[in-house]
């Protein structure tokens, strides 16, 4: 009995151990995500004693909600989604993915814009105006935002200048098939998607025309956009630093010949600079920089509070001065009216007085003359 109790005590930490969740962006579907990344979870579980890791396939919306609710310990997502999660939820990158194409190791990726080869109306990005277009989603970095930036540089607003834009979600292969079937005029997918479908025979090279084809030394895939750093492996804000350090060391130490590295692509390297992603977001005014184009009232108040208060005070003072000025002018006008009335009344009175004086003087003269006549008559009577 004591041996059973001792075994239970020793096994209790293992039985109670919480599994560490790695949220993975399933851009080609859940099955493909599990196939590609399960070996990485097994590798980390074997490399870090006492820890167990599992893969959680998610789409973009699910990824954002899971990180916001602290339901994940680590995330493995596309470059653009990482920058958004970094700004909004405090995730921080530990390593950047390396992929392999034949004998080349790649740490950057891009997107390709394409149409059917028999669509002669679309031969450049500017020709996309007035045509229908398909992408993964508005929030998809390689599945739309890279192409959006190139359109913007060519003076094309995809939300105004295209005849229509459809967001089809994952997997991206469906976008290629929709363009080939003629359901839409053009589309965009992550660089490498077309090359993989060509290699497997899912599509034929002669059926596809690449729009705005670019050439970058060392990058083998057909692409139409600038290149950006590969996917990062990042920790969430709830993950302890000590555990994150162990995971980073394990990833950077992953042998390129291991099953995990072969499934993932090639392995991992130190985290790259994601400044070019921030530049894209600033130019498009999306993600962490969405407020640049649509500042809210709270941001305006925070940024310009002193100016708003001083301007409001000055405007209030000007209103008071204007009110006092109007009131004073009105009083002056009333006083002038009363003064004019008084002057007019005085002038009229003076005229009446002058007329009365003239009348009195005339009567005095007449009385004086009459008195003189009477006196003369009296003297004559006395003389007689």
Protein backbone atom coordinates (compact mmCIF):
# COMPACT_ATOMS: atom_id res chain seq x y z
CA UNK A 1 0.00 0.00 0.00
CA UNK A 2 2.86 2.38 0.86
CA UNK A 3 4.47 1.72 -2.54
CA UNK A 4 1.23 2.60 -4.34
CA UNK A 5 0.94 5.80 -2.31
CA UNK A 6 4.55 6.74 -3.08
CA UNK A 7 4.01 6.11 -6.81
CA UNK A 8 0.88 8.26 -6.76
CA UNK A 9 2.76 11.10 -5.08
CA UNK A 10 5.55 10.91 -7.66
CA UNK A 11 3.12 10.79 -10.58
CA UNK A 12 0.85 13.54 -9.29
CA UNK A 13 2.88 16.44 -10.80
CA UNK A 14 2.88 14.65 -14.17
CA UNK A 15 -0.83 13.94 -14.07
CA UNK A 16 -1.64 17.52 -13.03
CA UNK A 17 0.74 19.09 -15.53
CA UNK A 18 -1.01 21.62 -17.75
CA UNK A 19 -0.44 21.26 -21.47
CA UNK A 20 1.13 24.30 -23.13
CA UNK A 21 -0.91 25.46 -26.10
CA UNK A 22 0.67 26.69 -29.33
CA UNK A 23 -1.87 28.55 -31.47
CA UNK A 24 -1.06 28.02 -35.16
CA UNK A 25 -2.60 29.95 -38.04
CA UNK A 26 -4.18 27.25 -40.21
CA UNK A 27 -3.95 29.07 -43.54
CA UNK A 28 -4.34 25.81 -45.48
CA UNK A 29 -6.84 24.20 -43.14
CA UNK A 30 -6.67 22.45 -39.77
CA UNK A 31 -5.46 19.11 -41.14
CA UNK A 32 -2.54 20.70 -42.98
CA UNK A 33 -1.61 22.72 -39.88
CA UNK A 34 -1.59 19.64 -37.65
CA UNK A 35 0.47 17.70 -40.19
CA UNK A 36 3.05 20.45 -40.47
CA UNK A 37 3.43 21.49 -36.82
CA UNK A 38 2.66 18.46 -34.61
CA UNK A 39 6.28 17.35 -34.88
CA UNK A 40 7.38 20.75 -33.55
CA UNK A 41 5.16 20.33 -30.50
CA UNK A 42 6.59 16.84 -29.93
CA UNK A 43 10.13 18.18 -30.33
CA UNK A 44 9.57 20.91 -27.72
CA UNK A 45 7.96 18.41 -25.32
CA UNK A 46 11.01 16.17 -25.63
CA UNK A 47 13.53 19.04 -25.43
CA UNK A 48 12.10 20.76 -22.34
CA UNK A 49 11.76 18.32 -19.42
CA UNK A 50 8.54 18.51 -17.50
CA UNK A 51 6.61 20.37 -20.22
CA UNK A 52 4.09 19.18 -22.77
CA UNK A 53 3.10 21.13 -25.88
CA UNK A 54 0.08 20.81 -28.20
CA UNK A 55 -0.95 22.45 -31.47
CA UNK A 56 -4.21 24.45 -31.69
CA UNK A 57 -5.14 25.24 -35.36
CA UNK A 58 -6.93 28.60 -35.65
CA UNK A 59 -8.07 31.07 -38.27
CA UNK A 60 -7.30 34.80 -37.97
CA UNK A 61 -10.40 35.67 -35.96
CA UNK A 62 -9.99 32.72 -33.62
CA UNK A 63 -6.32 33.57 -33.12
CA UNK A 64 -7.09 37.14 -32.08
CA UNK A 65 -9.82 36.05 -29.66
CA UNK A 66 -7.69 33.30 -28.14
CA UNK A 67 -4.74 35.63 -27.50
CA UNK A 68 -7.00 38.36 -26.12
CA UNK A 69 -8.55 35.90 -23.65
CA UNK A 70 -5.12 34.51 -22.59
CA UNK A 71 -6.06 31.04 -23.83
CA UNK A 72 -2.66 30.39 -25.52
CA UNK A 73 0.93 30.15 -24.30
CA UNK A 74 2.64 30.58 -27.69
CA UNK A 75 1.56 31.61 -31.18
CA UNK A 76 2.85 30.71 -34.61
CA UNK A 77 1.17 33.01 -37.09
CA UNK A 78 1.78 35.04 -40.19
CA UNK A 79 3.94 38.12 -40.10
CA UNK A 80 1.16 40.70 -40.29
CA UNK A 81 -1.02 39.01 -37.68
CA UNK A 82 2.00 38.85 -35.34
CA UNK A 83 2.55 42.63 -35.56
CA UNK A 84 -1.14 43.22 -34.75
CA UNK A 85 -1.03 40.82 -31.79
CA UNK A 86 2.22 42.41 -30.62
CA UNK A 87 0.68 45.88 -30.58
CA UNK A 88 -2.70 44.92 -29.11
CA UNK A 89 -1.93 42.01 -26.79
CA UNK A 90 1.79 42.14 -25.99
CA UNK A 91 3.05 38.99 -27.71
CA UNK A 92 6.80 38.95 -28.38
CA UNK A 93 8.74 36.94 -30.96
CA UNK A 94 11.29 34.30 -29.96
CA UNK A 95 12.45 33.04 -33.37
CA UNK A 96 11.78 33.44 -37.10
CA UNK A 97 10.92 30.51 -39.34
CA UNK A 98 13.33 29.25 -41.98
CA UNK A 99 11.93 27.48 -45.02
CA UNK A 100 13.77 25.48 -47.64
CA UNK A 101 13.42 25.36 -51.39
CA UNK A 102 15.71 22.77 -52.88
CA UNK A 103 19.18 23.84 -51.67
CA UNK A 104 18.15 27.33 -50.51
CA UNK A 105 17.17 28.48 -47.02
CA UNK A 106 14.60 31.30 -46.99
CA UNK A 107 13.67 33.67 -44.17
CA UNK A 108 11.47 36.05 -46.20
CA UNK A 109 8.33 35.59 -48.26
CA UNK A 110 6.00 37.54 -50.55
CA UNK A 111 2.75 37.24 -52.48
CA UNK A 112 1.82 36.69 -56.10
CA UNK A 113 -0.94 38.43 -58.08
CA UNK A 114 -2.20 36.44 -61.06
CA UNK A 115 -4.92 35.99 -63.66
CA UNK A 116 -5.73 33.50 -66.39
CA UNK A 117 -3.27 33.47 -69.26
CA UNK A 118 -6.10 34.06 -71.76
CA UNK A 119 -7.28 37.23 -69.95
CA UNK A 120 -5.67 39.84 -72.20
CA UNK A 121 -7.42 42.70 -70.38
CA UNK A 122 -5.16 42.34 -67.32
CA UNK A 123 -1.42 42.61 -67.87
CA UNK A 124 -0.41 45.02 -65.11
CA UNK A 125 -1.58 46.10 -61.67
CA UNK A 126 -3.21 49.21 -63.13
CA UNK A 127 -5.30 46.94 -65.40
CA UNK A 128 -6.99 45.45 -62.32
CA UNK A 129 -9.25 48.53 -62.15
CA UNK A 130 -12.79 47.60 -63.12
CA UNK A 131 -12.21 43.84 -62.67
CA UNK A 132 -13.17 41.35 -59.97
CA UNK A 133 -10.57 40.16 -57.48
CA UNK A 134 -10.26 37.42 -54.83
CA UNK A 135 -8.08 37.21 -51.72
CA UNK A 136 -8.05 35.43 -48.36
CA UNK A 137 -9.37 38.21 -46.13
CA UNK A 138 -8.85 41.90 -45.42
CA UNK A 139 -6.65 40.92 -42.44
CA UNK A 140 -4.55 38.33 -44.31
CA UNK A 141 -0.97 39.58 -44.66
CA UNK A 142 0.36 37.39 -47.47
CA UNK A 143 -3.17 36.67 -48.64
CA UNK A 144 -4.14 40.29 -49.35
CA UNK A 145 -2.28 43.11 -47.59
CA UNK A 146 0.97 42.66 -49.52
CA UNK A 147 -0.95 42.92 -52.81
CA UNK A 148 -2.97 45.85 -51.41
CA UNK A 149 0.23 47.83 -50.84
CA UNK A 150 1.40 47.22 -54.41
CA UNK A 151 -2.01 48.27 -55.77
CA UNK A 152 -1.90 51.43 -53.68
CA UNK A 153 1.54 52.31 -55.06
CA UNK A 154 0.04 52.02 -58.56
CA UNK A 155 -2.89 54.29 -57.70
CA UNK A 156 -5.44 51.47 -57.32
CA UNK A 157 -7.80 51.42 -54.34
CA UNK A 158 -9.07 47.81 -54.20
CA UNK A 159 -12.23 48.87 -52.35
CA UNK A 160 -13.20 51.55 -54.87
CA UNK A 161 -11.50 50.83 -58.19
CA UNK A 162 -12.15 47.09 -58.53
CA UNK A 163 -15.54 46.00 -59.80
CA UNK A 164 -15.73 43.64 -56.82
CA UNK A 165 -13.48 42.05 -54.21
CA UNK A 166 -14.23 38.68 -52.61
CA UNK A 167 -12.58 37.30 -49.49
CA UNK A 168 -12.64 33.52 -49.71
CA UNK A 169 -10.70 32.54 -46.59
CA UNK A 170 -8.43 29.51 -46.35
CA UNK A 171 -7.19 27.38 -48.00
CA UNK A 172 -5.56 29.57 -50.63
CA UNK A 173 -5.66 26.85 -53.26
CA UNK A 174 -9.38 27.63 -53.67
CA UNK A 175 -8.50 31.17 -54.84
CA UNK A 176 -6.27 29.79 -57.59
CA UNK A 177 -9.01 27.41 -58.69
CA UNK A 178 -11.64 30.19 -58.67
CA UNK A 179 -9.49 32.32 -61.00
CA UNK A 180 -8.86 29.39 -63.34
CA UNK A 181 -12.59 28.62 -63.46
CA UNK A 182 -13.31 32.25 -64.39
CA UNK A 183 -15.31 33.00 -61.25
CA UNK A 184 -13.14 36.09 -60.72
CA UNK A 185 -10.75 37.94 -63.01
CA UNK A 186 -7.68 37.92 -60.76
CA UNK A 187 -6.48 36.93 -57.30
CA UNK A 188 -3.58 36.89 -54.89
CA UNK A 189 -2.04 34.15 -52.74
CA UNK A 190 1.14 33.70 -50.77
CA UNK A 191 4.22 33.19 -52.94
CA UNK A 192 4.96 29.48 -53.20
CA UNK A 193 1.31 28.43 -53.37
CA UNK A 194 1.28 28.52 -57.17
CA UNK A 195 4.70 26.84 -57.36
CA UNK A 196 3.51 24.00 -55.10
CA UNK A 197 0.33 23.52 -57.16
CA UNK A 198 2.39 23.56 -60.36
CA UNK A 199 4.77 20.96 -58.92
CA UNK A 200 1.91 18.65 -57.96
CA UNK A 201 0.15 19.11 -61.29
CA UNK A 202 -2.88 20.81 -59.73
CA UNK A 203 -2.47 23.67 -62.21
CA UNK A 204 -0.57 24.16 -65.45
CA UNK A 205 1.96 26.90 -66.04
CA UNK A 206 0.43 27.84 -69.39
CA UNK A 207 -2.90 28.61 -67.69
CA UNK A 208 -1.48 31.31 -65.38
CA UNK A 209 -0.22 34.84 -66.01
CA UNK A 210 1.73 36.52 -63.20
CA UNK A 211 0.91 40.21 -62.76
CA UNK A 212 3.83 42.51 -61.93
CA UNK A 213 6.45 39.70 -61.84
CA UNK A 214 9.50 40.57 -59.72
CA UNK A 215 12.91 39.01 -59.30
CA UNK A 216 14.75 38.95 -55.98
CA UNK A 217 18.22 37.38 -55.64
CA UNK A 218 18.01 34.18 -53.63
CA UNK A 219 14.21 34.03 -53.66
CA UNK A 220 13.02 31.23 -55.96
CA UNK A 221 9.23 31.63 -55.96
CA UNK A 222 7.19 33.62 -58.44
CA UNK A 223 6.06 36.80 -56.71
CA UNK A 224 4.54 40.23 -57.40
CA UNK A 225 5.22 42.05 -54.12
CA UNK A 226 8.08 43.09 -51.88
CA UNK A 227 9.43 40.45 -49.50
CA UNK A 228 8.84 40.46 -45.75
CA UNK A 229 10.20 38.42 -42.80
CA UNK A 230 8.86 34.89 -42.38
CA UNK A 231 6.48 33.76 -39.67
CA UNK A 232 7.63 34.30 -36.09
CA UNK A 233 7.25 31.94 -33.16
CA UNK A 234 6.12 34.17 -30.28
CA UNK A 235 5.14 33.94 -26.63
CA UNK A 236 1.98 35.46 -25.21
CA UNK A 237 1.90 37.85 -22.26
CA UNK A 238 0.94 35.09 -19.82
CA UNK A 239 4.00 32.94 -20.60
CA UNK A 240 6.88 33.15 -18.05
CA UNK A 241 10.16 34.52 -19.37
CA UNK A 242 12.11 31.50 -18.13
CA UNK A 243 9.89 29.12 -20.10
CA UNK A 244 10.04 31.37 -23.18
CA UNK A 245 13.84 31.33 -23.00
CA UNK A 246 13.89 27.53 -22.91
CA UNK A 247 11.58 27.38 -25.93
CA UNK A 248 13.73 29.87 -27.87
CA UNK A 249 16.89 27.87 -27.15
CA UNK A 250 15.18 24.65 -28.18
CA UNK A 251 13.94 26.13 -31.47
CA UNK A 252 17.31 27.63 -32.38
CA UNK A 253 18.97 24.30 -31.52
CA UNK A 254 16.56 22.26 -33.66
CA UNK A 255 18.63 20.09 -36.07
CA UNK A 256 17.75 20.72 -39.69
CA UNK A 257 17.64 16.94 -40.19
CA UNK A 258 15.01 16.42 -37.46
CA UNK A 259 11.45 15.46 -38.33
CA UNK A 260 10.18 18.72 -36.80
CA UNK A 261 12.48 20.84 -38.98
CA UNK A 262 11.65 18.86 -42.11
CA UNK A 263 7.91 19.27 -41.50
CA UNK A 264 8.16 22.98 -40.63
CA UNK A 265 10.35 23.83 -43.60
CA UNK A 266 13.94 24.03 -42.46
CA UNK A 267 14.07 25.17 -38.85
CA UNK A 268 14.44 28.45 -36.99
CA UNK A 269 16.73 31.45 -36.81
CA UNK A 270 17.04 34.46 -34.51
CA UNK A 271 14.03 36.82 -34.74
CA UNK A 272 14.34 39.17 -37.72
CA UNK A 273 13.51 42.88 -37.95
CA UNK A 274 9.80 43.36 -38.69
CA UNK A 275 10.11 47.10 -39.44
CA UNK A 276 9.06 46.58 -43.08
CA UNK A 277 5.75 45.16 -41.84
CA UNK A 278 5.18 48.25 -39.71
CA UNK A 279 5.92 50.38 -42.80
CA UNK A 280 3.24 48.53 -44.78
CA UNK A 281 0.70 48.99 -42.01
CA UNK A 282 1.51 52.71 -41.70
CA UNK A 283 1.10 53.25 -45.45
CA UNK A 284 -2.22 51.40 -45.54
CA UNK A 285 -3.30 52.86 -42.16
CA UNK A 286 -4.36 49.44 -40.86
CA UNK A 287 -3.54 47.23 -37.91
CA UNK A 288 -1.76 49.17 -35.14
CA UNK A 289 -1.84 52.28 -37.34
CA UNK A 290 -5.55 52.26 -38.16
CA UNK A 291 -6.09 55.34 -35.98
CA UNK A 292 -3.86 57.41 -38.27
CA UNK A 293 -6.66 57.58 -40.81
CA UNK A 294 -9.61 57.59 -38.42
CA UNK A 295 -8.61 59.25 -35.16
CA UNK A 296 -11.20 58.79 -32.46
CA UNK A 297 -12.45 61.58 -30.23
CA UNK A 298 -10.58 60.13 -27.26
CA UNK A 299 -7.29 60.16 -29.18
CA UNK A 300 -7.92 63.70 -30.42
CA UNK A 301 -8.60 64.78 -26.83
CA UNK A 302 -5.42 63.10 -25.55
CA UNK A 303 -3.21 64.52 -28.26
CA UNK A 304 -4.62 68.04 -28.49
CA UNK A 305 -6.20 68.64 -25.08
CA UNK A 306 -4.10 71.75 -24.30
CA UNK A 307 -4.90 73.29 -27.68
CA UNK A 308 -8.58 72.44 -27.37
CA UNK A 309 -8.81 73.94 -23.86
CA UNK A 310 -6.88 77.11 -24.77
CA UNK A 311 -8.77 77.48 -28.06
CA UNK A 312 -12.09 76.96 -26.30
CA UNK A 313 -11.14 79.52 -23.65
CA UNK A 314 -10.12 82.03 -26.30
CA UNK A 315 -13.34 81.44 -28.23
CA UNK A 316 -15.37 81.93 -25.03
CA UNK A 317 -13.50 85.16 -24.27
CA UNK A 318 -14.11 86.42 -27.81
CA UNK A 319 -17.80 85.61 -27.47
CA UNK A 320 -17.97 87.59 -24.19
CA UNK A 321 -16.13 90.54 -25.76
CA UNK A 322 -18.43 90.44 -28.78
CA UNK A 323 -21.49 90.32 -26.52
CA UNK A 324 -20.24 93.26 -24.44
CA UNK A 325 -19.40 95.20 -27.60
CA UNK A 326 -22.88 94.67 -29.02
CA UNK A 327 -24.44 95.67 -25.73
CA UNK A 328 -22.28 98.81 -25.47
CA UNK A 329 -23.00 99.79 -29.07
CA UNK A 330 -26.69 99.39 -28.42
CA UNK A 331 -26.47 101.65 -25.36
CA UNK A 332 -24.52 104.25 -27.34
CA UNK A 333 -27.13 104.12 -30.12
CA UNK A 334 -29.95 104.64 -27.61
CA UNK A 335 -28.08 107.53 -25.97
CA UNK A 336 -27.47 109.17 -29.33
CA UNK A 337 -31.17 108.84 -30.17
CA UNK A 338 -32.19 110.42 -26.86
CA UNK A 339 -29.64 113.21 -27.33
CA UNK A 340 -30.87 113.97 -30.84
CA UNK A 341 -34.43 114.09 -29.53
CA UNK A 342 -33.44 116.49 -26.74
CA UNK A 343 -31.53 118.74 -29.15
CA UNK A 344 -34.53 118.80 -31.45
CA UNK A 345 -36.85 119.67 -28.56
CA UNK A 346 -34.48 122.43 -27.39
CA UNK A 347 -34.25 123.86 -30.90
CA UNK A 348 -38.03 123.88 -31.15
CA UNK A 349 -38.29 125.57 -27.74
CA UNK A 350 -35.74 128.21 -28.74
CA UNK A 351 -37.72 128.91 -31.90
CA UNK A 352 -40.92 129.31 -29.85
CA UNK A 353 -39.14 131.65 -27.41
CA UNK A 354 -37.71 133.72 -30.24
CA UNK A 355 -41.17 134.08 -31.81
CA UNK A 356 -42.69 135.01 -28.44
CA UNK A 357 -39.97 137.63 -27.83
CA UNK A 358 -40.59 139.20 -31.23
CA UNK A 359 -44.31 139.40 -30.42
CA UNK A 360 -43.64 141.02 -27.05
CA UNK A 361 -41.28 143.58 -28.57
CA UNK A 362 -43.87 144.50 -31.21
CA UNK A 363 -46.58 144.90 -28.57
CA UNK A 364 -44.28 147.01 -26.40
CA UNK A 365 -43.52 149.23 -29.39
CA UNK A 366 -47.20 149.56 -30.18
CA UNK A 367 -48.06 150.37 -26.55
CA UNK A 368 -45.20 152.87 -26.36
CA UNK A 369 -46.40 154.61 -29.54
CA UNK A 370 -49.98 154.67 -28.26
CA UNK A 371 -48.86 156.10 -24.92
CA UNK A 372 -46.81 158.79 -26.67
CA UNK A 373 -49.85 159.74 -28.74
CA UNK A 374 -52.03 159.87 -25.65
CA UNK A 375 -49.53 162.03 -23.81
CA UNK A 376 -49.33 164.41 -26.75
CA UNK A 377 -53.09 164.69 -26.83
CA UNK A 378 -53.14 165.36 -23.09
CA UNK A 379 -50.57 168.14 -23.36
CA UNK A 380 -52.53 169.72 -26.14
CA UNK A 381 -55.70 169.52 -24.03
CA UNK A 382 -53.90 171.08 -21.05
CA UNK A 383 -52.54 173.82 -23.29
CA UNK A 384 -55.93 174.51 -24.63
